[in-house]
């Protein structure tokens, strides 16, 4: 979050647009904090940990498959 304006500048946004993108990112961060508070109270920590673990496992497998296909096809990533 500290270097987000520079990162957005590097991504092609200029001046005020990079600052607005940083502001929007901060607003989303605050809003999702409140959403997570409600979600933790309703679903419980253990359930959310298990769901998060399952999603990370699937994402890791998908990345591995993509990298294997890229290697087989000699594609530069």
C-alpha atoms as a PDB file:
ATOM      1  CA  UNK A   1       0.000   0.000   0.000  1.00  0.00           C
ATOM      2  CA  UNK A   2       2.917   2.336   0.641  1.00  0.00           C
ATOM      3  CA  UNK A   3       4.309   2.044  -2.885  1.00  0.00           C
ATOM      4  CA  UNK A   4       1.024   1.488  -4.686  1.00  0.00           C
ATOM      5  CA  UNK A   5       1.077   4.889  -6.392  1.00  0.00           C
ATOM      6  CA  UNK A   6       4.505   4.134  -7.872  1.00  0.00           C
ATOM      7  CA  UNK A   7       3.314   0.667  -8.900  1.00  0.00           C
ATOM      8  CA  UNK A   8       0.266   2.154 -10.622  1.00  0.00           C
ATOM      9  CA  UNK A   9       2.538   4.706 -12.321  1.00  0.00           C
ATOM     10  CA  UNK A  10       4.722   1.845 -13.567  1.00  0.00           C
ATOM     11  CA  UNK A  11       1.591   0.088 -14.837  1.00  0.00           C
ATOM     12  CA  UNK A  12       0.775   3.080 -17.040  1.00  0.00           C
ATOM     13  CA  UNK A  13      -1.493   5.273 -14.925  1.00  0.00           C
ATOM     14  CA  UNK A  14      -0.458   8.886 -14.747  1.00  0.00           C
ATOM     15  CA  UNK A  15      -0.517  11.331 -11.828  1.00  0.00           C
ATOM     16  CA  UNK A  16      -4.016  11.737 -10.456  1.00  0.00           C
ATOM     17  CA  UNK A  17      -5.232   8.428 -11.889  1.00  0.00           C
ATOM     18  CA  UNK A  18      -2.561   6.553  -9.911  1.00  0.00           C
ATOM     19  CA  UNK A  19      -3.565   8.415  -6.745  1.00  0.00           C
ATOM     20  CA  UNK A  20      -7.247   7.644  -7.316  1.00  0.00           C
ATOM     21  CA  UNK A  21      -6.405   3.989  -7.865  1.00  0.00           C
ATOM     22  CA  UNK A  22      -4.489   3.977  -4.567  1.00  0.00           C
ATOM     23  CA  UNK A  23      -7.433   5.627  -2.826  1.00  0.00           C
ATOM     24  CA  UNK A  24      -9.854   3.088  -4.312  1.00  0.00           C
ATOM     25  CA  UNK A  25      -7.601   0.256  -3.186  1.00  0.00           C
ATOM     26  CA  UNK A  26      -7.628   1.639   0.365  1.00  0.00           C
ATOM     27  CA  UNK A  27     -11.414   1.991   0.377  1.00  0.00           C
ATOM     28  CA  UNK A  28     -11.846  -1.596  -0.833  1.00  0.00           C
ATOM     29  CA  UNK A  29      -9.408  -2.737   1.854  1.00  0.00           C
ATOM     30  CA  UNK A  30     -11.434  -1.041   4.613  1.00  0.00           C
ATOM     31  CA  UNK A  31     -14.765  -2.324   3.278  1.00  0.00           C
ATOM     32  CA  UNK A  32     -13.498  -5.894   3.003  1.00  0.00           C
ATOM     33  CA  UNK A  33     -12.266  -5.676   6.601  1.00  0.00           C
ATOM     34  CA  UNK A  34     -15.841  -5.118   7.745  1.00  0.00           C
ATOM     35  CA  UNK A  35     -17.103  -7.892   5.465  1.00  0.00           C
ATOM     36  CA  UNK A  36     -14.532 -10.274   6.940  1.00  0.00           C
ATOM     37  CA  UNK A  37     -15.582  -9.388  10.488  1.00  0.00           C
ATOM     38  CA  UNK A  38     -19.178 -10.348   9.722  1.00  0.00           C
ATOM     39  CA  UNK A  39     -18.120 -13.465   7.813  1.00  0.00           C
ATOM     40  CA  UNK A  40     -15.897 -14.677  10.658  1.00  0.00           C
ATOM     41  CA  UNK A  41     -18.757 -14.303  13.125  1.00  0.00           C
ATOM     42  CA  UNK A  42     -21.208 -16.201  10.913  1.00  0.00           C
ATOM     43  CA  UNK A  43     -19.061 -18.982   9.431  1.00  0.00           C
ATOM     44  CA  UNK A  44     -16.414 -19.399  12.096  1.00  0.00           C
ATOM     45  CA  UNK A  45     -12.644 -19.357  11.941  1.00  0.00           C
ATOM     46  CA  UNK A  46     -12.100 -23.084  11.390  1.00  0.00           C
ATOM     47  CA  UNK A  47     -14.528 -23.223   8.475  1.00  0.00           C
ATOM     48  CA  UNK A  48     -12.935 -20.204   6.810  1.00  0.00           C
ATOM     49  CA  UNK A  49      -9.445 -21.651   7.340  1.00  0.00           C
ATOM     50  CA  UNK A  50     -10.508 -24.935   5.717  1.00  0.00           C
ATOM     51  CA  UNK A  51     -12.155 -23.171   2.769  1.00  0.00           C
ATOM     52  CA  UNK A  52      -9.112 -20.923   2.298  1.00  0.00           C
ATOM     53  CA  UNK A  53      -6.792 -23.938   2.403  1.00  0.00           C
ATOM     54  CA  UNK A  54      -8.878 -25.733  -0.213  1.00  0.00           C
ATOM     55  CA  UNK A  55      -8.895 -22.692  -2.512  1.00  0.00           C
ATOM     56  CA  UNK A  56      -5.128 -22.221  -2.155  1.00  0.00           C
ATOM     57  CA  UNK A  57      -4.582 -25.928  -2.905  1.00  0.00           C
ATOM     58  CA  UNK A  58      -6.684 -25.753  -6.079  1.00  0.00           C
ATOM     59  CA  UNK A  59      -4.967 -22.524  -7.180  1.00  0.00           C
ATOM     60  CA  UNK A  60      -1.531 -24.061  -6.636  1.00  0.00           C
ATOM     61  CA  UNK A  61      -2.475 -27.130  -8.671  1.00  0.00           C
ATOM     62  CA  UNK A  62      -3.789 -24.891 -11.467  1.00  0.00           C
ATOM     63  CA  UNK A  63      -0.559 -22.870 -11.525  1.00  0.00           C
ATOM     64  CA  UNK A  64       1.460 -26.090 -11.602  1.00  0.00           C
ATOM     65  CA  UNK A  65      -0.587 -27.418 -14.540  1.00  0.00           C
ATOM     66  CA  UNK A  66      -0.160 -24.153 -16.443  1.00  0.00           C
ATOM     67  CA  UNK A  67       3.600 -24.168 -15.870  1.00  0.00           C
ATOM     68  CA  UNK A  68       3.848 -27.784 -17.022  1.00  0.00           C
ATOM     69  CA  UNK A  69       1.898 -26.980 -20.206  1.00  0.00           C
ATOM     70  CA  UNK A  70       4.102 -23.943 -20.810  1.00  0.00           C
ATOM     71  CA  UNK A  71       7.212 -26.089 -20.409  1.00  0.00           C
ATOM     72  CA  UNK A  72       5.874 -28.794 -22.723  1.00  0.00           C
ATOM     73  CA  UNK A  73       5.021 -26.189 -25.369  1.00  0.00           C
ATOM     74  CA  UNK A  74       8.337 -24.361 -24.838  1.00  0.00           C
ATOM     75  CA  UNK A  75       6.425 -21.163 -24.156  1.00  0.00           C
ATOM     76  CA  UNK A  76       8.272 -18.365 -22.395  1.00  0.00           C
ATOM     77  CA  UNK A  77       6.388 -17.084 -19.344  1.00  0.00           C
END
